[in-house]
Amino acid sequence: MFKIIAIILLAISTAGAGYFGWTQKKSNVAVTAQVAELEAKVEESDKKVEATEEELAASKEMLPPLMTKAQELEAVKAAFSTGTVLKDLEAAYAKEKKGLSTERQLGLAGVRLLTNGTKDPATVEAFQKALEMTDWKGQQKVICAAQNALAAAGEKIKVMSECAPEAPAGKADAHGAPAAKDAHAAPAAKDAHGAPAGKDAHGKDDKKGGKKDAHGPADAHAVHWDYEGAMGPENWGKEFPTCGKGKSQAPLNIKGPFEKVRFNVAPDYKQGQLKIVNNGHTIQVNVPAGSKIRIDGKPYDLLQFHFHRPSEEHIDGKPSAMVVHFVHKNTEGELAVLGVMLREGNENPGIKTLWAHAPKSEGPEVMPDGVMFNPANLLPKEMDFFHYDGSLTTPPCTEKVKFFILKTQVNIAKEQVTDFPFKMNARPVQPANGRPIYTN
């Protein structure tokens, strides 16, 4: 009996020892897993700390230049704080009989900003007036300065994507896209009724929809427009008020009766390096300095020319296959557009050269090596014209643009019309609202 009891106790002890060993092993496995998890978290934390330290170091490097700029700004503000300069400037500008140019209006707004700050209603009003006076196509810097100032003042202003502050080289911009390494890395000129080479003139954003801008406090965002869909011409006025409310909008249906004028237009265009761009709205050629046109003896510099399909202007209710708009600007900032209607006919040699180098899709400006072009190649011999006062035919539809549409049309082959990469990029004709149409 004693022997049996001893065997039972031994069996129980052995089983207990085995169970104890099994539970210890299980516990060790769990502890090992926890340790591995903690080690992974520590490693991840170390990486975050390292990244934070790198960002902190980079921020410290950026701090001195920012401090310098802040000191410079404070010094400038202090110089204007008495208000003397503002009073002198206002007094001087009050003597301007023709009114202020856009640049002077913007300068006046800037001095008011430095003197009175962003909360001053007169400052906001001055920047708003600068925007009303200017046009995107000729003066992008003016528009950007005014839009960013109004955004900083907390105004509900729509800021174009092109006006967003540039991100430091090599870093992502406000939209999360890598910043361009230099000024030439970004797409060049968008279409322009007056934009210099490399500038956007439509105020357009990407075709997939407007990107959000960095000016969060002002609830500002880039504005997208197009020739069809939700932001087609009939809806431009929702984002660009002048497009909907302006009384001198272009293009027009040109029909009589006409009023006579005695002056003429005389182009003096020069051959230069071809610089051509597909900006997503049209094919545009940016013209080197030197080409001019004289209107009643007054010189205007040719900035660029671009194409619309079909023609934006109609003659007696009928459009032509296409039109080329030559955009000029004088020293006072006034814009003049010379329009040449293109009708289907024989092949146009000048168009053949342009189409051979025109990008098929939107992108940066192209400068083909050794290819020269003279804009005069697209002009007819006769320079008789119809004339009316209109506007930019693309947003923001700024008015006070002089239009001269030549009566003589130029041939373009049907295949050349088809090869134009835009099936339709013409704004519909606008109400004349009693405006006279002149002819020489």
Protein backbone atom coordinates (compact mmCIF):
# COMPACT_ATOMS: atom_id res chain seq x y z
CA MET A 1 0.00 0.00 0.00
CA PHE A 2 2.76 2.41 0.94
CA LYS A 3 4.48 1.63 -2.33
CA ILE A 4 1.30 2.45 -4.30
CA ILE A 5 0.83 5.75 -2.47
CA ALA A 6 4.45 6.66 -3.19
CA ILE A 7 3.97 5.92 -6.89
CA ILE A 8 0.83 8.09 -7.01
CA LEU A 9 2.57 10.99 -5.27
CA LEU A 10 5.50 10.67 -7.65
CA ALA A 11 3.16 10.75 -10.65
CA ILE A 12 1.38 13.82 -9.29
CA SER A 13 4.69 15.56 -8.67
CA THR A 14 5.91 14.74 -12.17
CA ALA A 15 2.68 16.05 -13.75
CA GLY A 16 2.87 19.24 -11.67
CA ALA A 17 6.44 19.80 -12.68
CA GLY A 18 5.53 19.30 -16.34
CA TYR A 19 2.60 21.69 -16.13
CA PHE A 20 4.76 24.28 -14.37
CA GLY A 21 7.40 23.94 -17.07
CA TRP A 22 4.81 24.30 -19.84
CA THR A 23 3.30 27.44 -18.31
CA GLN A 24 6.76 28.96 -17.86
CA LYS A 25 7.63 28.27 -21.50
CA LYS A 26 4.37 29.84 -22.65
CA SER A 27 5.02 32.86 -20.47
CA ASN A 28 8.55 33.20 -21.86
CA VAL A 29 7.23 33.13 -25.43
CA ALA A 30 4.73 35.91 -24.63
CA VAL A 31 7.42 37.99 -22.92
CA THR A 32 9.74 37.49 -25.90
CA ALA A 33 7.01 38.73 -28.28
CA GLN A 34 6.39 41.76 -26.07
CA VAL A 35 10.09 42.54 -25.94
CA ALA A 36 10.32 42.30 -29.76
CA GLU A 37 7.31 44.61 -30.14
CA LEU A 38 8.82 47.11 -27.69
CA GLU A 39 12.12 47.00 -29.53
CA ALA A 40 10.33 47.75 -32.83
CA LYS A 41 8.52 50.68 -31.22
CA VAL A 42 11.77 51.99 -29.76
CA GLU A 43 13.43 51.72 -33.18
CA GLU A 44 10.50 53.57 -34.80
CA SER A 45 10.67 56.25 -32.10
CA ASP A 46 14.41 56.60 -32.67
CA LYS A 47 13.78 57.17 -36.40
CA LYS A 48 11.14 59.80 -35.63
CA VAL A 49 13.48 61.52 -33.21
CA GLU A 50 16.21 61.48 -35.84
CA ALA A 51 13.86 62.91 -38.48
CA THR A 52 12.66 65.56 -36.05
CA GLU A 53 16.25 66.50 -35.24
CA GLU A 54 16.99 66.84 -38.96
CA GLU A 55 13.93 69.04 -39.48
CA LEU A 56 14.90 71.09 -36.44
CA ALA A 57 18.42 71.52 -37.81
CA ALA A 58 17.00 72.59 -41.19
CA SER A 59 14.65 75.01 -39.46
CA LYS A 60 17.55 76.50 -37.52
CA GLU A 61 19.37 77.05 -40.81
CA MET A 62 16.34 78.84 -42.26
CA LEU A 63 15.77 80.94 -39.15
CA PRO A 64 18.56 83.54 -39.63
CA PRO A 65 17.44 84.53 -43.16
CA LEU A 66 13.84 84.72 -41.96
CA MET A 67 14.87 86.84 -39.01
CA THR A 68 16.78 89.12 -41.36
CA LYS A 69 13.74 89.49 -43.63
CA ALA A 70 11.53 90.17 -40.60
CA GLN A 71 13.94 92.87 -39.44
CA GLU A 72 13.99 94.37 -42.93
CA LEU A 73 10.21 94.42 -43.03
CA GLU A 74 9.99 96.02 -39.60
CA ALA A 75 12.50 98.64 -40.69
CA VAL A 76 10.47 99.43 -43.82
CA LYS A 77 7.24 99.59 -41.81
CA ALA A 78 8.88 101.92 -39.32
CA ALA A 79 10.01 104.18 -42.16
CA PHE A 80 6.42 104.49 -43.39
CA SER A 81 4.73 104.54 -39.97
CA THR A 82 4.49 108.34 -39.69
CA GLY A 83 2.22 108.45 -42.73
CA THR A 84 4.17 111.30 -44.32
CA VAL A 85 5.21 109.28 -47.35
CA LEU A 86 1.64 108.08 -47.85
CA LYS A 87 0.29 111.62 -47.72
CA ASP A 88 2.93 112.86 -50.16
CA LEU A 89 2.22 109.99 -52.53
CA GLU A 90 -1.53 110.52 -52.40
CA ALA A 91 -1.04 114.23 -53.06
CA ALA A 92 1.23 113.53 -56.02
CA TYR A 93 -1.10 110.94 -57.52
CA ALA A 94 -4.10 113.23 -57.08
CA LYS A 95 -2.58 115.44 -59.81
CA GLU A 96 -2.65 112.61 -62.36
CA LYS A 97 -5.13 113.72 -65.00
CA LYS A 98 -5.34 110.35 -66.76
CA GLY A 99 -5.77 108.43 -63.54
CA LEU A 100 -3.32 105.96 -62.05
CA SER A 101 -1.71 103.15 -63.95
CA THR A 102 -2.13 99.67 -62.52
CA GLU A 103 1.45 99.63 -61.23
CA ARG A 104 1.01 102.97 -59.44
CA GLN A 105 -2.30 101.87 -57.96
CA LEU A 106 -0.58 98.75 -56.61
CA GLY A 107 2.31 100.86 -55.28
CA LEU A 108 -0.14 103.13 -53.49
CA ALA A 109 -1.85 100.09 -51.98
CA GLY A 110 1.55 98.79 -50.84
CA VAL A 111 2.41 102.03 -49.09
CA ARG A 112 -0.99 102.01 -47.37
CA LEU A 113 -0.33 98.43 -46.26
CA LEU A 114 3.03 99.37 -44.74
CA THR A 115 1.59 102.50 -43.14
CA ASN A 116 -1.77 101.35 -41.83
CA GLY A 117 -1.61 97.53 -41.91
CA THR A 118 -4.03 94.96 -43.31
CA LYS A 119 -6.95 95.94 -41.10
CA ASP A 120 -7.24 99.38 -42.72
CA PRO A 121 -10.28 99.42 -45.06
CA ALA A 122 -8.46 101.85 -47.37
CA THR A 123 -5.64 99.33 -47.78
CA VAL A 124 -8.04 96.55 -48.78
CA GLU A 125 -9.91 98.92 -51.10
CA ALA A 126 -6.67 99.99 -52.78
CA PHE A 127 -5.61 96.40 -53.52
CA GLN A 128 -9.11 95.55 -54.77
CA LYS A 129 -8.99 98.53 -57.12
CA ALA A 130 -5.60 97.38 -58.40
CA LEU A 131 -7.17 94.01 -59.26
CA GLU A 132 -10.09 95.67 -61.03
CA MET A 133 -7.75 97.82 -63.12
CA THR A 134 -5.35 95.14 -64.26
CA ASP A 135 -5.52 92.04 -66.40
CA TRP A 136 -4.05 88.63 -65.73
CA LYS A 137 -2.57 88.35 -69.15
CA GLY A 138 -0.36 91.42 -69.05
CA GLN A 139 0.44 91.92 -65.41
CA GLN A 140 0.56 88.67 -63.47
CA LYS A 141 2.90 90.11 -60.83
CA VAL A 142 0.42 92.90 -60.09
CA ILE A 143 -2.43 90.45 -59.68
CA CYS A 144 -0.42 88.08 -57.52
CA ALA A 145 0.74 90.90 -55.24
CA ALA A 146 -2.81 92.19 -54.82
CA GLN A 147 -4.36 88.75 -54.32
CA ASN A 148 -1.79 87.66 -51.74
CA ALA A 149 -2.14 90.95 -49.87
CA LEU A 150 -5.92 90.61 -49.72
CA ALA A 151 -5.58 86.99 -48.62
CA ALA A 152 -3.22 88.06 -45.83
CA ALA A 153 -5.80 90.64 -44.80
CA GLY A 154 -8.37 87.88 -44.35
CA GLU A 155 -10.46 88.80 -47.38
CA LYS A 156 -12.46 86.09 -49.16
CA ILE A 157 -10.31 86.35 -52.28
CA LYS A 158 -9.81 83.65 -54.93
CA VAL A 159 -6.03 83.33 -55.28
CA MET A 160 -4.72 81.88 -58.54
CA SER A 161 -2.46 78.84 -58.21
CA GLU A 162 0.31 80.74 -59.99
CA CYS A 163 0.29 83.29 -57.17
CA ALA A 164 1.04 80.74 -54.43
CA PRO A 165 4.35 81.43 -52.64
CA GLU A 166 7.17 79.38 -54.15
CA ALA A 167 8.43 76.49 -52.05
CA PRO A 168 12.18 76.25 -51.28
CA ALA A 169 14.14 74.37 -53.94
CA GLY A 170 14.04 70.62 -53.48
CA LYS A 171 11.17 70.68 -51.00
CA ALA A 172 7.51 69.93 -51.59
CA ASP A 173 5.26 72.90 -52.26
CA ALA A 174 2.02 73.66 -50.50
CA HIS A 175 0.17 71.16 -52.66
CA GLY A 176 2.51 68.32 -51.81
CA ALA A 177 4.18 68.32 -55.23
CA PRO A 178 7.98 68.53 -55.55
CA ALA A 179 9.12 72.09 -56.11
CA ALA A 180 10.80 73.00 -59.38
CA LYS A 181 14.57 73.31 -59.18
CA ASP A 182 14.55 76.62 -60.98
CA ALA A 183 12.26 79.05 -62.72
CA HIS A 184 12.59 77.20 -66.01
CA ALA A 185 11.45 73.84 -64.63
CA ALA A 186 7.80 74.86 -64.35
CA PRO A 187 5.51 75.05 -67.36
CA ALA A 188 5.91 78.33 -69.21
CA ALA A 189 3.31 80.79 -70.36
CA LYS A 190 -0.30 79.76 -70.23
CA ASP A 191 -2.33 81.61 -72.86
CA ALA A 192 -2.10 85.39 -72.70
CA HIS A 193 -3.76 88.49 -73.97
CA GLY A 194 -0.78 90.42 -72.79
CA ALA A 195 1.37 88.06 -70.72
CA PRO A 196 5.13 88.16 -71.14
CA ALA A 197 6.92 84.93 -72.01
CA GLY A 198 6.73 82.39 -69.23
CA LYS A 199 3.70 83.92 -67.52
CA ASP A 200 0.23 82.50 -67.21
CA ALA A 201 -2.43 84.68 -68.49
CA HIS A 202 -5.63 82.74 -68.22
CA GLY A 203 -5.47 82.31 -64.51
CA LYS A 204 -6.00 78.68 -65.20
CA ASP A 205 -5.20 75.76 -62.94
CA ASP A 206 -4.77 72.11 -63.82
CA LYS A 207 -7.50 70.56 -65.99
CA LYS A 208 -8.31 67.97 -63.35
CA GLY A 209 -9.71 70.61 -61.06
CA GLY A 210 -8.37 73.53 -59.08
CA LYS A 211 -5.73 72.70 -56.55
CA LYS A 212 -6.09 74.00 -53.04
CA ASP A 213 -3.93 76.99 -52.20
CA ALA A 214 -1.79 77.67 -49.16
CA HIS A 215 -3.82 80.63 -47.96
CA GLY A 216 -6.00 78.77 -45.54
CA PRO A 217 -7.01 81.67 -43.28
CA ALA A 218 -8.55 83.48 -46.23
CA ASP A 219 -10.35 80.39 -47.51
CA ALA A 220 -8.68 81.05 -50.85
CA HIS A 221 -8.16 78.56 -53.62
CA ALA A 222 -7.00 78.38 -57.20
CA VAL A 223 -9.66 78.90 -59.82
CA HIS A 224 -10.05 76.54 -62.77
CA TRP A 225 -11.84 77.51 -65.96
CA ASP A 226 -12.39 75.88 -69.32
CA TYR A 227 -14.32 76.15 -72.58
CA GLU A 228 -16.91 73.53 -71.62
CA GLY A 229 -18.44 71.85 -68.59
CA ALA A 230 -19.09 73.30 -65.17
CA MET A 231 -16.55 76.07 -65.67
CA GLY A 232 -17.32 76.80 -69.32
CA PRO A 233 -17.83 80.39 -70.60
CA GLU A 234 -21.42 80.59 -69.38
CA ASN A 235 -20.17 80.10 -65.81
CA TRP A 236 -17.00 82.23 -65.85
CA GLY A 237 -18.89 85.03 -64.14
CA LYS A 238 -19.28 82.93 -60.98
CA GLU A 239 -15.54 83.17 -60.28
CA PHE A 240 -14.62 86.18 -62.43
CA PRO A 241 -17.32 88.85 -61.99
CA THR A 242 -16.27 91.00 -64.94
CA CYS A 243 -16.89 88.06 -67.29
CA GLY A 244 -20.55 88.09 -66.27
CA LYS A 245 -21.23 91.74 -65.47
CA GLY A 246 -18.93 93.61 -67.88
CA LYS A 247 -20.63 95.80 -70.47
CA SER A 248 -17.76 95.87 -72.99
CA GLN A 249 -16.96 92.19 -73.36
CA ALA A 250 -15.33 90.52 -76.35
CA PRO A 251 -15.62 88.95 -78.86
CA LEU A 252 -18.34 90.60 -80.94
CA ASN A 253 -20.37 89.77 -84.00
CA ILE A 254 -19.10 92.40 -86.43
CA LYS A 255 -21.92 93.85 -88.50
CA GLY A 256 -23.01 97.28 -89.74
CA PRO A 257 -23.75 100.06 -89.60
CA PHE A 258 -20.14 101.15 -89.07
CA GLU A 259 -18.59 104.44 -88.05
CA LYS A 260 -15.60 105.75 -90.00
CA VAL A 261 -12.14 106.44 -88.59
CA ARG A 262 -9.25 108.08 -90.42
CA PHE A 263 -6.25 106.40 -88.81
CA ASN A 264 -4.55 103.12 -89.77
CA VAL A 265 -2.59 100.28 -88.21
CA ALA A 266 0.93 99.50 -89.39
CA PRO A 267 2.67 96.33 -88.15
CA ASP A 268 6.47 96.21 -88.04
CA TYR A 269 7.18 92.63 -87.02
CA LYS A 270 10.69 91.14 -86.89
CA GLN A 271 12.04 87.62 -87.31
CA GLY A 272 13.21 85.98 -84.10
CA GLN A 273 13.79 82.69 -82.30
CA LEU A 274 10.61 80.61 -82.25
CA LYS A 275 9.26 80.14 -78.71
CA ILE A 276 6.05 78.14 -78.73
CA VAL A 277 3.92 76.65 -75.96
CA ASN A 278 0.79 74.55 -75.49
CA ASN A 279 -0.66 76.02 -72.30
CA GLY A 280 -3.73 73.80 -72.10
CA HIS A 281 -6.00 76.44 -73.65
CA THR A 282 -4.30 77.30 -76.94
CA ILE A 283 -1.07 77.25 -78.95
CA GLN A 284 0.82 80.45 -78.17
CA VAL A 285 4.01 81.92 -79.64
CA ASN A 286 5.94 84.25 -77.33
CA VAL A 287 7.63 86.94 -79.38
CA PRO A 288 11.15 88.33 -78.70
CA ALA A 289 11.41 92.08 -78.16
CA GLY A 290 11.56 94.26 -81.25
CA SER A 291 8.27 93.64 -83.06
CA LYS A 292 5.78 96.50 -82.92
CA ILE A 293 2.59 97.87 -84.37
CA ARG A 294 1.67 101.52 -84.77
CA ILE A 295 -1.97 102.45 -84.20
CA ASP A 296 -2.69 105.99 -85.30
CA GLY A 297 1.06 106.53 -85.01
CA LYS A 298 1.28 105.27 -81.42
CA PRO A 299 3.64 102.28 -80.91
CA TYR A 300 2.60 99.06 -79.20
CA ASP A 301 5.01 96.17 -78.55
CA LEU A 302 4.00 92.73 -79.80
CA LEU A 303 4.13 90.33 -76.85
CA GLN A 304 2.70 87.12 -78.29
CA PHE A 305 0.13 85.65 -80.60
CA HIS A 306 -2.18 82.67 -80.17
CA PHE A 307 -5.01 80.82 -81.92
CA HIS A 308 -8.72 80.15 -81.41
CA ARG A 309 -10.87 77.52 -83.14
CA PRO A 310 -13.28 78.54 -84.53
CA SER A 311 -12.72 82.29 -84.79
CA GLU A 312 -14.01 84.13 -81.74
CA GLU A 313 -15.17 87.11 -83.79
CA HIS A 314 -18.02 86.59 -86.24
CA ILE A 315 -18.56 88.59 -89.43
CA ASP A 316 -22.27 89.13 -90.12
CA GLY A 317 -23.06 86.21 -87.82
CA LYS A 318 -20.58 83.74 -89.31
CA PRO A 319 -17.29 82.55 -87.75
CA SER A 320 -14.20 81.58 -89.70
CA ALA A 321 -12.33 78.31 -89.28
CA MET A 322 -9.86 79.92 -86.87
CA VAL A 323 -8.43 83.28 -85.83
CA VAL A 324 -4.96 84.35 -84.71
CA HIS A 325 -4.80 87.10 -82.09
CA PHE A 326 -1.66 89.26 -81.98
CA VAL A 327 -1.41 90.81 -78.51
CA HIS A 328 0.30 94.19 -78.06
CA LYS A 329 0.96 96.51 -75.15
CA ASN A 330 2.16 100.11 -75.02
CA THR A 331 4.25 101.89 -72.40
CA GLU A 332 1.11 102.97 -70.55
CA GLY A 333 -0.02 99.37 -70.13
CA GLU A 334 -2.83 99.59 -72.70
CA LEU A 335 -3.57 96.41 -74.67
CA ALA A 336 -4.37 96.14 -78.36
CA VAL A 337 -5.29 92.92 -80.17
CA LEU A 338 -4.90 92.54 -83.93
CA GLY A 339 -7.08 89.69 -85.20
CA VAL A 340 -6.49 87.82 -88.46
CA MET A 341 -9.31 85.52 -89.52
CA LEU A 342 -8.25 82.17 -91.01
CA ARG A 343 -10.51 80.60 -93.65
CA GLU A 344 -10.25 77.12 -95.10
CA GLY A 345 -8.30 77.09 -98.33
CA ASN A 346 -4.73 76.44 -99.43
CA GLU A 347 -2.01 75.31 -97.03
CA ASN A 348 -0.49 78.12 -94.98
CA PRO A 349 3.35 77.92 -94.93
CA GLY A 350 3.63 79.89 -91.70
CA ILE A 351 1.14 77.62 -89.93
CA LYS A 352 3.02 74.61 -91.29
CA THR A 353 6.19 75.79 -89.52
CA LEU A 354 4.37 76.47 -86.25
CA TRP A 355 2.42 73.21 -86.19
CA ALA A 356 5.63 71.26 -86.86
CA HIS A 357 7.01 72.44 -83.51
CA ALA A 358 3.82 73.00 -81.47
CA PRO A 359 3.52 70.58 -78.53
CA LYS A 360 0.49 68.29 -78.81
CA SER A 361 -0.18 68.42 -75.09
CA GLU A 362 0.16 70.99 -72.31
CA GLY A 363 3.69 71.64 -71.14
CA PRO A 364 6.57 74.11 -70.95
CA GLU A 365 7.63 76.51 -73.67
CA VAL A 366 9.59 74.93 -76.55
CA MET A 367 12.50 76.69 -78.30
CA PRO A 368 13.56 74.51 -81.25
CA ASP A 369 17.23 75.07 -82.14
CA GLY A 370 17.80 77.26 -85.15
CA VAL A 371 14.11 77.77 -85.94
CA MET A 372 13.29 81.42 -86.64
CA PHE A 373 9.87 82.86 -87.31
CA ASN A 374 8.47 86.22 -88.39
CA PRO A 375 4.89 86.92 -87.20
CA ALA A 376 4.39 88.95 -90.39
CA ASN A 377 4.18 85.61 -92.22
CA LEU A 378 0.62 85.30 -90.91
CA LEU A 379 -0.57 88.75 -92.04
CA PRO A 380 -2.43 89.60 -95.26
CA LYS A 381 -1.17 92.37 -97.54
CA GLU A 382 -4.17 94.59 -96.93
CA MET A 383 -4.56 96.11 -93.47
CA ASP A 384 -8.11 97.47 -93.59
CA PHE A 385 -9.85 96.70 -90.32
CA PHE A 386 -12.91 96.69 -88.13
CA HIS A 387 -12.34 98.19 -84.68
CA TYR A 388 -14.16 98.02 -81.36
CA ASP A 389 -13.42 98.40 -77.66
CA GLY A 390 -13.62 95.07 -75.87
CA SER A 391 -12.07 92.89 -73.22
CA LEU A 392 -9.86 89.90 -72.70
CA THR A 393 -11.71 86.92 -74.17
CA THR A 394 -10.56 84.69 -71.31
CA PRO A 395 -10.87 85.13 -67.52
CA PRO A 396 -10.67 87.55 -65.82
CA CYS A 397 -12.21 89.28 -68.89
CA THR A 398 -10.69 92.67 -68.05
CA GLU A 399 -12.05 95.45 -70.25
CA LYS A 400 -10.49 98.42 -72.10
CA VAL A 401 -8.78 96.25 -74.72
CA LYS A 402 -8.68 97.66 -78.25
CA PHE A 403 -9.57 95.15 -80.98
CA PHE A 404 -8.64 95.51 -84.65
CA ILE A 405 -9.99 92.69 -86.84
CA LEU A 406 -8.58 92.71 -90.36
CA LYS A 407 -11.11 92.54 -93.18
CA THR A 408 -8.86 90.39 -95.38
CA GLN A 409 -8.74 86.77 -94.32
CA VAL A 410 -5.78 84.38 -94.67
CA ASN A 411 -5.95 80.80 -95.93
CA ILE A 412 -5.40 77.73 -93.78
CA ALA A 413 -5.74 74.16 -95.02
CA LYS A 414 -8.53 72.00 -93.63
CA GLU A 415 -5.89 69.50 -92.47
CA GLN A 416 -4.08 72.29 -90.63
CA VAL A 417 -7.28 73.19 -88.80
CA THR A 418 -7.73 69.53 -87.85
CA ASP A 419 -4.12 69.33 -86.63
CA PHE A 420 -4.72 72.15 -84.14
CA PRO A 421 -4.80 70.26 -80.81
CA PHE A 422 -7.97 71.98 -79.55
CA LYS A 423 -11.32 71.13 -81.12
CA MET A 424 -12.92 74.25 -79.64
CA ASN A 425 -11.35 77.08 -77.67
CA ALA A 426 -13.45 80.10 -78.56
CA ARG A 427 -15.59 82.23 -76.27
CA PRO A 428 -19.10 82.88 -77.67
CA VAL A 429 -19.85 86.36 -79.04
CA GLN A 430 -20.95 88.85 -76.40
CA PRO A 431 -23.68 91.54 -76.35
CA ALA A 432 -22.62 94.80 -78.03
CA ASN A 433 -24.55 96.87 -75.49
CA GLY A 434 -24.67 99.83 -77.89
CA ARG A 435 -20.95 99.88 -78.62
CA PRO A 436 -20.05 101.32 -82.02
CA ILE A 437 -17.97 99.31 -84.45
CA TYR A 438 -15.58 101.35 -86.55
CA THR A 439 -13.95 100.80 -89.90
CA ASN A 440 -11.26 102.63 -91.83
